[in-house]
């Protein structure tokens, strides 16, 4: 058999070299798009400051969104889309064929929602269901399908308002499963349903965990088997003890243990009707081309190959082609083999609808109408889910970059608190736009508490500095600038439009320490009061005592002390820490839902 390295050199390398040149162009154009986006917004701010234009914040936000669409959407359409499509069309099908010539690849296909529901592997019903990279075929006498699947539960939460008679609704999305879903058809009907889940409870809690497992009645009876190695890795539930022991023979349990130890992936398995289901959790997108890393690295091809081989080996490693599993029966319209055959012939694989009875259209009962509507809604949701997912990712990317750009003026002007919060939220959105939901929650769980701790430390440090300023040494300084600046804001619309002018003092002083001149505009650590009074108190040229920090001479005030303890920053701090804890909690819950806990 041809080795992977030989296959890589002879079959893939020429196309990979072409795609690598395209990748470098895509990466270069992405950097250019980011530079153009930042330059456009800096130019906007420069013009705004140069001409003193009185522009609303909404105008700037609109400009940022339009400039992001102009740069990044153009980059995606002209460069990335062709690169992504070329990789999926030219590389992945060849790797699939190299794994086994009997397999077919459909980049837009997926294991249907009905198969996910029929597997009984997950208690929750997916409100959002999407997937891609469908691989199907018949290996020996076993028809198989597998694809990447993303399933999420959608809950509509209604909240009533005391001030209004209307109810507000909120959509809450909880991940159910992200990974590969494998379906094999035996054409042999099993009695009841047998479910095999990762055994985490007993491994962690011993006999107490086993007692908890027995309470999980929604999966059926807890079934204890004689293989100690199998019992350490899996917990089995079924509706029929005899049928479960018949399916999970000693040899099959041994092969499952060997496969689990070799694959090192959390697996869920079930036997229902005539089908065998395996769900293997992955915390990353599969079969996607790289942008940041070279395509010529064979380790990436090895990763794609391993992911495919892992699933295909289920048939061989579990010896599914034995006669016990392949008892011949009539080919059911809902079987995997029938679906594969329908795919080859170009039909939908759905059995034809029987003609209406003589005499006119069939009248459906209320229950049948509801069932048809649910089926229609599920199909519409399935077709729209990938587009909605892509739109959400792009919105997160745009919002994240927008917030990061907004944070720069804050940080450059010394407004560290506002800049820090804005930048942190922006980074969180950027991660959510480019990474998986699991990584997004994990990063948020680390990033938000870090922001909260920094806010608390900086706030307490500022308070301590204001107290210490009373004992700072003084030096004579002079006022070099003293004026009133005005800031105009507008609220309301039409006849209710109201313009507000706010005045604030702009006072700058300079002082000399050890032969070095310093400038500062900070008057005190608390409110300075009326702008006209402040400017009148500090006219240009007036000599004033300057209190300076002996450890940091550039830090100075004219009025020492005076700052009261401010609780507001600590509320922000607590809020961000709480957000981080909630995200970490959701990340752990998602990890368990993806198969990391049984």
Protein backbone atom coordinates (compact mmCIF):
# COMPACT_ATOMS: atom_id res chain seq x y z
CA UNK A 1 0.00 0.00 0.00
CA UNK A 2 1.23 3.50 -0.87
CA UNK A 3 2.51 5.41 2.16
CA UNK A 4 1.06 8.79 3.14
CA UNK A 5 4.41 10.49 2.48
CA UNK A 6 4.61 8.98 -1.00
CA UNK A 7 0.99 9.98 -1.69
CA UNK A 8 1.76 13.49 -0.45
CA UNK A 9 4.79 13.85 -2.71
CA UNK A 10 3.24 12.37 -5.88
CA UNK A 11 -0.44 13.35 -5.71
CA UNK A 12 -0.89 16.35 -3.41
CA UNK A 13 2.30 18.43 -3.56
CA UNK A 14 1.75 20.02 -7.02
CA UNK A 15 -1.71 21.31 -6.06
CA UNK A 16 -0.55 22.21 -2.55
CA UNK A 17 2.22 24.37 -3.99
CA UNK A 18 -0.37 26.23 -6.08
CA UNK A 19 -2.65 26.63 -3.07
CA UNK A 20 0.31 27.69 -0.89
CA UNK A 21 1.03 30.57 -3.28
CA UNK A 22 -2.67 31.45 -3.06
CA UNK A 23 -2.53 31.22 0.76
CA UNK A 24 0.37 33.66 0.91
CA UNK A 25 -1.64 36.07 -1.24
CA UNK A 26 -4.70 35.62 1.01
CA UNK A 27 -2.59 36.26 4.12
CA UNK A 28 -0.89 39.29 2.55
CA UNK A 29 -4.20 40.74 1.43
CA UNK A 30 -5.66 40.21 4.92
CA UNK A 31 -2.82 42.23 6.43
CA UNK A 32 -3.38 44.90 3.79
CA UNK A 33 -7.12 44.91 4.56
CA UNK A 34 -6.39 45.46 8.27
CA UNK A 35 -3.93 48.28 7.47
CA UNK A 36 -6.42 49.92 5.09
CA UNK A 37 -9.20 49.63 7.66
CA UNK A 38 -7.10 51.21 10.44
CA UNK A 39 -5.76 53.90 8.05
CA UNK A 40 -9.26 54.86 6.93
CA UNK A 41 -10.43 55.32 10.50
CA UNK A 42 -7.30 57.20 11.58
CA UNK A 43 -7.76 59.50 8.57
CA UNK A 44 -11.37 60.00 9.61
CA UNK A 45 -10.29 60.97 13.13
CA UNK A 46 -7.55 63.23 11.74
CA UNK A 47 -9.99 65.11 9.52
CA UNK A 48 -12.42 65.32 12.41
CA UNK A 49 -9.76 66.88 14.65
CA UNK A 50 -8.23 69.08 11.94
CA UNK A 51 -11.45 70.80 10.97
CA UNK A 52 -13.17 70.55 14.35
CA UNK A 53 -16.17 68.79 12.87
CA UNK A 54 -19.07 68.24 15.26
CA UNK A 55 -19.89 64.64 14.36
CA UNK A 56 -22.09 62.29 16.34
CA UNK A 57 -20.72 59.03 17.66
CA UNK A 58 -23.24 57.19 15.48
CA UNK A 59 -21.70 58.76 12.38
CA UNK A 60 -18.28 57.43 13.36
CA UNK A 61 -19.69 53.99 14.16
CA UNK A 62 -21.40 53.93 10.77
CA UNK A 63 -18.13 54.88 9.07
CA UNK A 64 -16.29 52.10 10.92
CA UNK A 65 -18.87 49.49 9.89
CA UNK A 66 -18.83 50.64 6.28
CA UNK A 67 -15.02 50.68 6.15
CA UNK A 68 -14.93 47.18 7.68
CA UNK A 69 -17.40 45.89 5.10
CA UNK A 70 -15.45 47.57 2.31
CA UNK A 71 -12.13 46.02 3.34
CA UNK A 72 -12.89 42.61 4.88
CA UNK A 73 -15.91 41.61 2.82
CA UNK A 74 -13.98 42.45 -0.35
CA UNK A 75 -11.04 40.37 0.94
CA UNK A 76 -13.31 37.42 1.70
CA UNK A 77 -15.09 37.49 -1.66
CA UNK A 78 -12.07 38.10 -3.90
CA UNK A 79 -9.35 36.11 -2.14
CA UNK A 80 -10.36 33.81 0.74
CA UNK A 81 -13.46 32.22 -0.80
CA UNK A 82 -11.60 30.91 -3.86
CA UNK A 83 -8.75 29.65 -1.67
CA UNK A 84 -11.15 27.85 0.68
CA UNK A 85 -13.17 26.36 -2.18
CA UNK A 86 -10.03 25.26 -4.03
CA UNK A 87 -8.71 23.44 -0.98
CA UNK A 88 -12.02 21.65 -0.35
CA UNK A 89 -12.39 20.69 -4.03
CA UNK A 90 -8.82 19.60 -4.80
CA UNK A 91 -7.24 18.30 -1.58
CA UNK A 92 -9.83 16.80 0.79
CA UNK A 93 -11.49 14.54 -1.85
CA UNK A 94 -8.07 13.07 -2.70
CA UNK A 95 -7.29 12.38 0.95
CA UNK A 96 -10.70 10.72 1.31
CA UNK A 97 -10.02 8.54 -1.74
CA UNK A 98 -6.56 7.70 -0.38
CA UNK A 99 -8.10 6.54 2.89
CA UNK A 100 -10.51 4.29 0.95
CA UNK A 101 -11.46 4.33 -2.74
CA UNK A 102 -15.03 3.31 -1.91
CA UNK A 103 -15.77 6.59 -0.14
CA UNK A 104 -17.31 9.75 -1.60
CA UNK A 105 -16.92 13.32 -0.32
CA UNK A 106 -19.46 16.16 -0.33
CA UNK A 107 -18.11 19.40 1.15
CA UNK A 108 -21.61 20.85 1.67
CA UNK A 109 -23.33 17.66 2.85
CA UNK A 110 -23.91 16.46 6.40
CA UNK A 111 -25.48 13.65 8.39
CA UNK A 112 -29.16 14.67 8.61
CA UNK A 113 -30.80 15.97 11.74
CA UNK A 114 -33.09 12.92 11.79
CA UNK A 115 -30.08 10.64 12.25
CA UNK A 116 -28.81 12.81 15.11
CA UNK A 117 -32.19 12.53 16.84
CA UNK A 118 -32.50 8.79 16.12
CA UNK A 119 -29.11 8.11 17.74
CA UNK A 120 -30.50 8.76 21.27
CA UNK A 121 -26.97 9.85 22.24
CA UNK A 122 -28.05 13.28 23.48
CA UNK A 123 -31.03 14.14 25.64
CA UNK A 124 -31.50 17.62 24.15
CA UNK A 125 -33.25 18.28 20.85
CA UNK A 126 -31.21 20.55 18.56
CA UNK A 127 -32.90 23.84 17.69
CA UNK A 128 -29.91 24.77 15.55
CA UNK A 129 -28.28 22.06 13.47
CA UNK A 130 -25.56 22.44 10.86
CA UNK A 131 -22.63 20.55 9.43
CA UNK A 132 -20.43 19.94 6.42
CA UNK A 133 -17.78 17.61 4.97
CA UNK A 134 -19.99 14.54 4.47
CA UNK A 135 -18.16 11.28 3.70
CA UNK A 136 -20.27 8.29 2.66
CA UNK A 137 -19.93 4.89 1.04
CA UNK A 138 -20.17 1.14 1.55
CA UNK A 139 -17.24 -0.66 3.15
CA UNK A 140 -17.67 -4.37 2.62
CA UNK A 141 -21.31 -4.92 3.53
CA UNK A 142 -21.62 -1.93 5.83
CA UNK A 143 -23.06 1.35 4.51
CA UNK A 144 -21.66 4.33 6.41
CA UNK A 145 -21.99 8.10 6.60
CA UNK A 146 -20.12 10.61 8.74
CA UNK A 147 -19.69 14.36 8.77
CA UNK A 148 -18.85 17.27 11.00
CA UNK A 149 -21.92 18.28 13.00
CA UNK A 150 -22.74 21.30 15.17
CA UNK A 151 -25.87 20.87 17.29
CA UNK A 152 -27.24 23.44 19.74
CA UNK A 153 -30.29 23.60 21.97
CA UNK A 154 -32.36 26.76 21.61
CA UNK A 155 -34.55 27.91 24.50
CA UNK A 156 -36.94 30.83 24.19
CA UNK A 157 -37.12 32.55 27.58
CA UNK A 158 -40.07 34.88 28.15
CA UNK A 159 -39.69 37.69 30.64
CA UNK A 160 -42.62 39.76 31.81
CA UNK A 161 -42.12 43.44 32.58
CA UNK A 162 -43.82 45.06 35.55
CA UNK A 163 -44.00 48.40 33.70
CA UNK A 164 -45.48 46.92 30.54
CA UNK A 165 -48.13 44.38 29.68
CA UNK A 166 -45.97 42.89 26.94
CA UNK A 167 -43.61 39.97 27.40
CA UNK A 168 -40.04 40.10 26.16
CA UNK A 169 -38.43 37.02 24.70
CA UNK A 170 -34.77 36.06 24.77
CA UNK A 171 -33.11 33.24 22.86
CA UNK A 172 -30.69 31.14 24.92
CA UNK A 173 -28.37 28.84 22.98
CA UNK A 174 -26.62 25.89 24.65
CA UNK A 175 -24.13 23.70 22.74
CA UNK A 176 -25.05 20.03 22.57
CA UNK A 177 -22.37 18.55 20.35
CA UNK A 178 -19.52 19.64 18.10
CA UNK A 179 -17.60 16.93 16.31
CA UNK A 180 -17.95 13.96 13.97
CA UNK A 181 -21.16 11.94 13.83
CA UNK A 182 -20.80 8.44 12.32
CA UNK A 183 -23.72 6.26 11.20
CA UNK A 184 -23.41 2.63 10.06
CA UNK A 185 -26.34 0.59 8.79
CA UNK A 186 -26.45 -3.17 9.58
CA UNK A 187 -29.82 -3.86 7.91
CA UNK A 188 -30.67 -5.83 11.04
CA UNK A 189 -33.16 -4.58 13.57
CA UNK A 190 -32.08 -4.65 17.23
CA UNK A 191 -34.48 -4.99 20.10
CA UNK A 192 -34.71 -1.68 21.94
CA UNK A 193 -31.90 0.88 22.13
CA UNK A 194 -28.47 0.33 23.70
CA UNK A 195 -26.39 3.40 24.57
CA UNK A 196 -22.68 3.43 25.47
CA UNK A 197 -21.38 6.62 27.12
CA UNK A 198 -17.99 7.65 28.56
CA UNK A 199 -17.80 6.59 32.20
CA UNK A 200 -16.71 9.64 34.14
CA UNK A 201 -18.90 9.43 37.23
CA UNK A 202 -17.64 6.04 38.47
CA UNK A 203 -14.04 6.90 37.67
CA UNK A 204 -14.27 10.11 39.71
CA UNK A 205 -16.63 9.06 42.52
CA UNK A 206 -16.40 5.26 42.69
CA UNK A 207 -19.46 3.51 44.09
CA UNK A 208 -21.28 6.83 44.58
CA UNK A 209 -20.78 7.52 40.87
CA UNK A 210 -22.20 4.12 40.03
CA UNK A 211 -25.25 4.88 42.17
CA UNK A 212 -25.70 8.18 40.32
CA UNK A 213 -25.46 6.34 36.99
CA UNK A 214 -28.29 4.03 37.99
CA UNK A 215 -30.52 7.10 38.49
CA UNK A 216 -30.09 8.14 34.85
CA UNK A 217 -33.36 6.50 33.87
CA UNK A 218 -33.87 8.58 30.72
CA UNK A 219 -31.32 6.35 28.96
CA UNK A 220 -32.90 3.12 30.17
CA UNK A 221 -31.59 0.54 32.63
CA UNK A 222 -27.99 0.61 33.81
CA UNK A 223 -26.34 -2.52 32.41
CA UNK A 224 -23.29 -3.99 34.14
CA UNK A 225 -20.97 -6.08 32.00
CA UNK A 226 -18.22 -8.49 32.94
CA UNK A 227 -15.25 -6.84 31.20
CA UNK A 228 -13.43 -4.72 33.87
CA UNK A 229 -11.43 -2.71 31.28
CA UNK A 230 -14.61 -1.87 29.39
CA UNK A 231 -16.38 -0.88 32.62
CA UNK A 232 -13.57 1.59 33.44
CA UNK A 233 -14.06 3.42 30.16
CA UNK A 234 -17.78 3.16 29.43
CA UNK A 235 -21.18 3.06 31.08
CA UNK A 236 -23.98 1.18 29.27
CA UNK A 237 -27.73 1.83 29.30
CA UNK A 238 -30.39 -0.17 27.50
CA UNK A 239 -34.04 -1.07 27.36
CA UNK A 240 -33.31 -4.80 27.24
CA UNK A 241 -30.57 -6.50 29.26
CA UNK A 242 -30.46 -9.56 26.99
CA UNK A 243 -30.30 -7.52 23.76
CA UNK A 244 -27.55 -5.30 25.17
CA UNK A 245 -25.42 -8.31 26.18
CA UNK A 246 -26.05 -9.88 22.78
CA UNK A 247 -24.83 -6.73 20.99
CA UNK A 248 -21.89 -6.01 23.32
CA UNK A 249 -20.21 -9.36 23.05
CA UNK A 250 -16.88 -10.04 24.76
CA UNK A 251 -14.98 -9.62 21.49
CA UNK A 252 -16.77 -6.36 20.61
CA UNK A 253 -16.11 -4.89 24.08
CA UNK A 254 -12.42 -5.77 23.71
CA UNK A 255 -12.31 -4.05 20.31
CA UNK A 256 -14.06 -0.97 21.74
CA UNK A 257 -11.49 -0.76 24.55
CA UNK A 258 -8.61 -1.11 22.09
CA UNK A 259 -10.11 1.48 19.76
CA UNK A 260 -10.75 3.96 22.60
CA UNK A 261 -7.18 3.59 23.88
CA UNK A 262 -5.81 4.08 20.39
CA UNK A 263 -8.04 6.99 19.36
CA UNK A 264 -7.79 8.86 22.69
CA UNK A 265 -11.09 10.62 21.91
CA UNK A 266 -14.25 10.72 23.99
CA UNK A 267 -16.85 8.61 22.20
CA UNK A 268 -20.57 8.02 22.57
CA UNK A 269 -22.09 4.96 20.86
CA UNK A 270 -25.59 3.63 20.39
CA UNK A 271 -27.38 0.74 18.70
CA UNK A 272 -30.92 1.60 17.66
CA UNK A 273 -33.21 -0.05 15.12
CA UNK A 274 -30.80 -1.22 12.42
CA UNK A 275 -28.12 1.42 12.91
CA UNK A 276 -24.93 1.95 14.86
CA UNK A 277 -24.06 5.55 15.83
CA UNK A 278 -20.77 7.00 17.07
CA UNK A 279 -20.29 10.63 18.16
CA UNK A 280 -16.67 11.75 18.54
CA UNK A 281 -16.18 15.21 20.06
CA UNK A 282 -13.70 17.67 18.59
CA UNK A 283 -12.92 21.13 19.94
CA UNK A 284 -11.79 22.47 16.55
CA UNK A 285 -13.04 22.85 13.02
CA UNK A 286 -12.15 19.87 10.82
CA UNK A 287 -10.88 19.76 7.23
CA UNK A 288 -10.46 23.55 7.02
CA UNK A 289 -7.48 25.15 5.17
CA UNK A 290 -4.90 27.12 7.13
CA UNK A 291 -4.16 30.80 6.63
CA UNK A 292 -1.39 31.46 9.14
CA UNK A 293 0.53 28.19 8.63
CA UNK A 294 2.08 26.74 5.49
CA UNK A 295 0.08 24.12 3.59
CA UNK A 296 3.32 22.41 2.55
CA UNK A 297 3.86 21.06 6.06
CA UNK A 298 3.01 17.36 5.80
CA UNK A 299 1.91 17.34 9.45
CA UNK A 300 -1.28 19.18 8.40
CA UNK A 301 -2.05 16.54 5.77
CA UNK A 302 -1.30 13.91 8.41
CA UNK A 303 -3.87 15.58 10.67
CA UNK A 304 -6.58 15.52 7.97
CA UNK A 305 -5.71 11.90 7.20
CA UNK A 306 -5.79 10.87 10.87
CA UNK A 307 -9.18 12.50 11.40
CA UNK A 308 -10.65 10.58 8.46
CA UNK A 309 -8.88 7.31 9.25
CA UNK A 310 -10.05 7.51 12.85
CA UNK A 311 -13.67 7.25 11.76
CA UNK A 312 -13.18 4.81 8.87
CA UNK A 313 -11.24 2.47 11.15
CA UNK A 314 -14.40 2.02 13.22
CA UNK A 315 -15.64 -0.42 10.59
CA UNK A 316 -12.43 -2.46 10.57
CA UNK A 317 -11.43 -2.14 14.20
CA UNK A 318 -14.88 -3.07 15.51
CA UNK A 319 -15.20 -5.80 12.88
CA UNK A 320 -18.60 -4.55 11.75
CA UNK A 321 -18.55 -6.69 8.61
CA UNK A 322 -19.22 -9.93 10.44
CA UNK A 323 -22.34 -11.93 9.59
CA UNK A 324 -23.88 -11.18 12.98
CA UNK A 325 -24.17 -7.54 11.93
CA UNK A 326 -24.94 -7.95 8.24
CA UNK A 327 -27.93 -10.22 8.17
CA UNK A 328 -29.61 -9.41 4.86
CA UNK A 329 -32.96 -7.71 4.82
CA UNK A 330 -34.97 -5.57 2.44
CA UNK A 331 -33.35 -2.19 1.83
CA UNK A 332 -35.38 0.24 3.92
CA UNK A 333 -36.04 3.68 2.47
CA UNK A 334 -34.58 5.25 5.62
CA UNK A 335 -31.38 3.19 5.63
CA UNK A 336 -27.92 4.69 5.19
CA UNK A 337 -27.39 2.52 2.11
CA UNK A 338 -30.56 3.94 0.56
CA UNK A 339 -29.45 7.48 1.35
CA UNK A 340 -26.03 6.81 -0.20
CA UNK A 341 -27.63 5.31 -3.29
CA UNK A 342 -29.94 8.30 -3.57
CA UNK A 343 -26.95 10.62 -3.31
CA UNK A 344 -25.22 8.76 -6.16
CA UNK A 345 -28.30 8.95 -8.36
CA UNK A 346 -28.84 12.61 -7.54
CA UNK A 347 -32.22 12.15 -5.85
CA UNK A 348 -33.08 13.36 -2.40
CA UNK A 349 -33.30 9.92 -0.79
CA UNK A 350 -36.73 10.76 0.63
CA UNK A 351 -39.45 8.25 -0.27
CA UNK A 352 -41.99 9.70 -2.70
CA UNK A 353 -45.14 11.15 -1.27
CA UNK A 354 -48.12 8.92 -2.02
CA UNK A 355 -50.69 10.44 -4.36
CA UNK A 356 -53.72 12.05 -2.78
CA UNK A 357 -56.89 10.00 -2.56
CA UNK A 358 -59.42 10.11 -5.37
CA UNK A 359 -61.74 13.03 -5.24
CA UNK A 360 -59.40 15.87 -4.29
CA UNK A 361 -56.65 16.84 -1.91
CA UNK A 362 -55.94 14.95 1.26
CA UNK A 363 -57.20 16.67 4.37
CA UNK A 364 -54.66 16.57 7.18
CA UNK A 365 -55.58 16.29 10.81
CA UNK A 366 -54.42 18.90 13.33
CA UNK A 367 -51.61 16.63 14.55
CA UNK A 368 -50.45 15.89 10.98
CA UNK A 369 -50.45 19.61 10.18
CA UNK A 370 -48.33 20.36 13.23
CA UNK A 371 -45.92 17.56 12.31
CA UNK A 372 -45.61 18.86 8.73
CA UNK A 373 -45.01 22.39 9.99
CA UNK A 374 -42.30 21.18 12.40
CA UNK A 375 -40.65 19.28 9.55
CA UNK A 376 -40.75 22.39 7.35
CA UNK A 377 -39.32 24.57 10.15
CA UNK A 378 -36.54 22.07 10.81
CA UNK A 379 -35.57 21.96 7.14
CA UNK A 380 -35.60 25.76 6.88
CA UNK A 381 -33.55 26.04 10.07
CA UNK A 382 -31.05 23.49 8.75
CA UNK A 383 -30.58 25.36 5.47
CA UNK A 384 -30.23 28.75 7.15
CA UNK A 385 -28.05 27.70 10.10
CA UNK A 386 -24.70 27.83 8.22
CA UNK A 387 -25.49 31.31 6.85
CA UNK A 388 -26.55 32.58 10.28
CA UNK A 389 -23.42 31.08 11.83
CA UNK A 390 -21.21 32.81 9.25
CA UNK A 391 -23.02 36.12 9.72
CA UNK A 392 -22.58 35.92 13.51
CA UNK A 393 -18.87 35.20 13.17
CA UNK A 394 -18.41 38.21 10.86
CA UNK A 395 -20.40 40.46 13.19
CA UNK A 396 -18.15 39.41 16.08
CA UNK A 397 -15.04 40.08 13.99
CA UNK A 398 -16.25 43.52 12.93
CA UNK A 399 -17.42 44.44 16.45
CA UNK A 400 -14.14 43.22 17.97
CA UNK A 401 -11.97 45.20 15.54
CA UNK A 402 -14.26 48.21 16.00
CA UNK A 403 -13.91 48.14 19.79
CA UNK A 404 -10.14 47.64 19.55
CA UNK A 405 -9.89 50.73 17.32
CA UNK A 406 -12.13 52.72 19.67
CA UNK A 407 -9.92 51.70 22.60
CA UNK A 408 -6.79 53.21 21.02
CA UNK A 409 -7.78 56.91 21.49
CA UNK A 410 -8.74 56.17 25.10
CA UNK A 411 -5.40 54.51 25.83
CA UNK A 412 -3.37 57.17 23.99
CA UNK A 413 -5.18 60.00 25.80
CA UNK A 414 -4.54 58.43 29.19
CA UNK A 415 -8.08 57.23 29.87
CA UNK A 416 -6.74 53.83 30.89
CA UNK A 417 -9.89 52.45 32.54
CA UNK A 418 -12.22 53.03 29.60
CA UNK A 419 -9.58 51.94 27.11
CA UNK A 420 -8.86 48.75 29.05
CA UNK A 421 -12.52 47.74 29.26
CA UNK A 422 -13.17 48.52 25.59
CA UNK A 423 -10.04 46.69 24.45
CA UNK A 424 -10.85 43.63 26.59
CA UNK A 425 -14.36 43.31 25.19
CA UNK A 426 -12.99 43.86 21.69
CA UNK A 427 -10.44 41.07 22.08
CA UNK A 428 -13.18 38.77 23.35
CA UNK A 429 -15.27 39.43 20.23
CA UNK A 430 -12.26 38.98 17.95
CA UNK A 431 -11.54 35.58 19.50
CA UNK A 432 -15.21 34.65 19.11
CA UNK A 433 -15.11 35.68 15.45
CA UNK A 434 -12.06 33.65 14.52
CA UNK A 435 -12.05 30.75 17.00
CA UNK A 436 -14.50 28.05 18.05
CA UNK A 437 -17.23 28.74 20.66
CA UNK A 438 -15.35 26.59 23.17
CA UNK A 439 -12.16 28.63 22.78
CA UNK A 440 -14.21 31.85 22.94
CA UNK A 441 -15.68 30.91 26.32
CA UNK A 442 -12.34 29.71 27.66
CA UNK A 443 -10.60 32.95 26.62
CA UNK A 444 -13.46 35.03 28.06
CA UNK A 445 -13.24 33.06 31.29
CA UNK A 446 -9.58 34.07 31.60
CA UNK A 447 -9.71 37.54 30.02
CA UNK A 448 -12.65 39.03 31.93
CA UNK A 449 -11.44 38.14 35.45
CA UNK A 450 -8.01 39.51 34.47
CA UNK A 451 -9.65 42.80 33.43
CA UNK A 452 -11.64 42.88 36.66
CA UNK A 453 -8.53 42.32 38.78
CA UNK A 454 -6.59 44.99 36.88
CA UNK A 455 -9.45 47.49 37.33
CA UNK A 456 -9.56 46.78 41.08
CA UNK A 457 -5.76 47.07 41.44
CA UNK A 458 -5.55 50.30 39.42
CA UNK A 459 -8.49 51.85 41.30
CA UNK A 460 -7.03 51.03 44.68
CA UNK A 461 -3.59 52.23 43.56
CA UNK A 462 -5.10 55.56 42.40
CA UNK A 463 -6.87 55.98 45.74
CA UNK A 464 -3.66 55.26 47.64
CA UNK A 465 -1.79 57.75 45.42
CA UNK A 466 -4.34 60.48 46.18
CA UNK A 467 -3.84 59.92 49.92
CA UNK A 468 -0.05 59.88 49.58
CA UNK A 469 -0.06 63.15 47.56
CA UNK A 470 -0.64 65.11 50.78
CA UNK A 471 2.90 64.28 51.87
CA UNK A 472 4.55 64.84 48.46
CA UNK A 473 7.30 67.46 48.23
CA UNK A 474 6.54 70.72 46.42
CA UNK A 475 8.33 72.77 43.80
CA UNK A 476 7.47 76.12 42.26
CA UNK A 477 5.78 75.97 38.87
CA UNK A 478 4.03 78.31 36.44
CA UNK A 479 0.77 78.18 34.47
CA UNK A 480 1.51 78.07 30.72
CA UNK A 481 -2.03 77.48 29.43
CA UNK A 482 -5.41 78.32 30.90
CA UNK A 483 -8.60 78.31 28.88
CA UNK A 484 -12.17 77.09 28.79
CA UNK A 485 -13.04 74.40 26.28
CA UNK A 486 -16.55 73.60 25.18
CA UNK A 487 -18.07 70.26 24.23
CA UNK A 488 -21.41 70.27 22.41
CA UNK A 489 -23.80 67.34 22.44
CA UNK A 490 -27.24 66.93 20.88
CA UNK A 491 -30.11 64.78 22.11
CA UNK A 492 -33.61 64.16 20.82
CA UNK A 493 -35.02 64.61 17.34
CA UNK A 494 -37.26 67.08 15.51
CA UNK A 495 -38.98 69.58 17.78
CA UNK A 496 -37.53 67.79 20.84
CA UNK A 497 -33.98 68.27 19.61
CA UNK A 498 -31.87 69.75 22.39
CA UNK A 499 -28.30 71.00 22.26
CA UNK A 500 -26.19 70.97 25.41
CA UNK A 501 -22.88 72.83 25.78
CA UNK A 502 -20.56 71.64 28.53
CA UNK A 503 -17.58 73.72 29.62
CA UNK A 504 -14.45 72.30 31.18
CA UNK A 505 -11.10 73.86 32.18
CA UNK A 506 -7.97 73.20 30.18
CA UNK A 507 -5.06 74.19 32.45
CA UNK A 508 -1.43 73.21 31.87
CA UNK A 509 1.53 73.99 34.11
CA UNK A 510 5.24 73.28 33.99
CA UNK A 511 7.84 72.75 36.71
CA UNK A 512 11.54 72.03 36.98
CA UNK A 513 13.09 69.12 38.93
CA UNK A 514 16.80 68.29 38.83
CA UNK A 515 17.27 70.43 35.75
CA UNK A 516 14.49 68.68 33.79
CA UNK A 517 11.26 70.42 32.80
CA UNK A 518 7.96 68.59 33.24
CA UNK A 519 4.45 69.48 32.08
CA UNK A 520 1.12 68.34 33.52
CA UNK A 521 -2.54 69.16 33.18
CA UNK A 522 -3.79 67.34 36.29
CA UNK A 523 -5.12 69.76 38.88
CA UNK A 524 -6.33 67.30 41.55
CA UNK A 525 -7.53 63.76 42.19
CA UNK A 526 -11.14 64.93 42.60
CA UNK A 527 -13.55 67.24 40.78
CA UNK A 528 -12.14 70.71 40.00
CA UNK A 529 -15.48 72.53 40.12
CA UNK A 530 -16.76 75.32 37.87
CA UNK A 531 -14.66 75.83 34.72
CA UNK A 532 -14.72 79.67 34.85
CA UNK A 533 -13.68 79.69 38.49
CA UNK A 534 -10.79 77.31 37.83
CA UNK A 535 -9.50 79.34 34.86
CA UNK A 536 -9.81 82.57 36.88
CA UNK A 537 -7.91 80.94 39.74
CA UNK A 538 -5.05 79.79 37.50
CA UNK A 539 -4.31 82.53 34.92
CA UNK A 540 -1.38 82.15 32.50
CA UNK A 541 1.91 83.15 34.10
CA UNK A 542 0.82 82.62 37.71
CA UNK A 543 3.36 80.91 39.98
CA UNK A 544 1.90 77.92 41.82
CA UNK A 545 3.20 75.27 44.22
CA UNK A 546 3.34 71.89 42.48
CA UNK A 547 3.05 68.66 44.49
CA UNK A 548 5.01 65.93 42.71
CA UNK A 549 5.65 62.25 43.28
CA UNK A 550 9.32 61.87 44.23
CA UNK A 551 9.38 58.38 42.69
CA UNK A 552 7.70 59.54 39.46
CA UNK A 553 8.41 63.28 39.02
CA UNK A 554 6.15 63.55 35.98
CA UNK A 555 3.17 62.71 38.22
CA UNK A 556 2.01 65.94 39.88
CA UNK A 557 -1.05 67.89 41.07
CA UNK A 558 -1.78 71.40 42.23
CA UNK A 559 -4.32 70.34 44.87
CA UNK A 560 -3.18 67.26 46.82
CA UNK A 561 -5.46 64.66 48.44
CA UNK A 562 -9.17 65.20 48.32
CA UNK A 563 -10.23 62.02 46.54
CA UNK A 564 -12.99 60.03 48.23
CA UNK A 565 -13.15 56.28 48.04
CA UNK A 566 -14.96 55.42 44.80
CA UNK A 567 -16.98 52.21 44.76
CA UNK A 568 -17.93 52.36 41.05
CA UNK A 569 -14.71 50.78 39.66
CA UNK A 570 -15.11 47.87 42.05
CA UNK A 571 -18.63 47.23 40.75
CA UNK A 572 -17.12 47.04 37.26
CA UNK A 573 -14.40 44.78 38.63
CA UNK A 574 -16.93 42.45 40.23
CA UNK A 575 -19.04 42.43 37.08
CA UNK A 576 -16.11 41.33 34.88
CA UNK A 577 -15.00 38.69 37.37
CA UNK A 578 -18.57 37.34 37.53
CA UNK A 579 -18.76 37.30 33.73
CA UNK A 580 -15.52 35.33 33.63
CA UNK A 581 -16.80 32.80 36.15
CA UNK A 582 -20.05 32.34 34.20
CA UNK A 583 -18.13 31.85 30.93
CA UNK A 584 -15.82 29.31 32.54
CA UNK A 585 -18.87 27.53 33.92
CA UNK A 586 -20.48 27.46 30.47
CA UNK A 587 -17.19 26.28 28.97
CA UNK A 588 -17.08 23.36 31.41
CA UNK A 589 -20.73 22.59 30.69
CA UNK A 590 -20.03 22.68 26.94
CA UNK A 591 -16.99 20.45 27.39
CA UNK A 592 -19.13 17.90 29.20
CA UNK A 593 -21.81 18.21 26.51
CA UNK A 594 -19.20 17.53 23.83
CA UNK A 595 -18.42 14.21 25.40
CA UNK A 596 -15.79 15.01 28.01
CA UNK A 597 -18.06 13.73 30.75
CA UNK A 598 -20.42 10.84 30.85
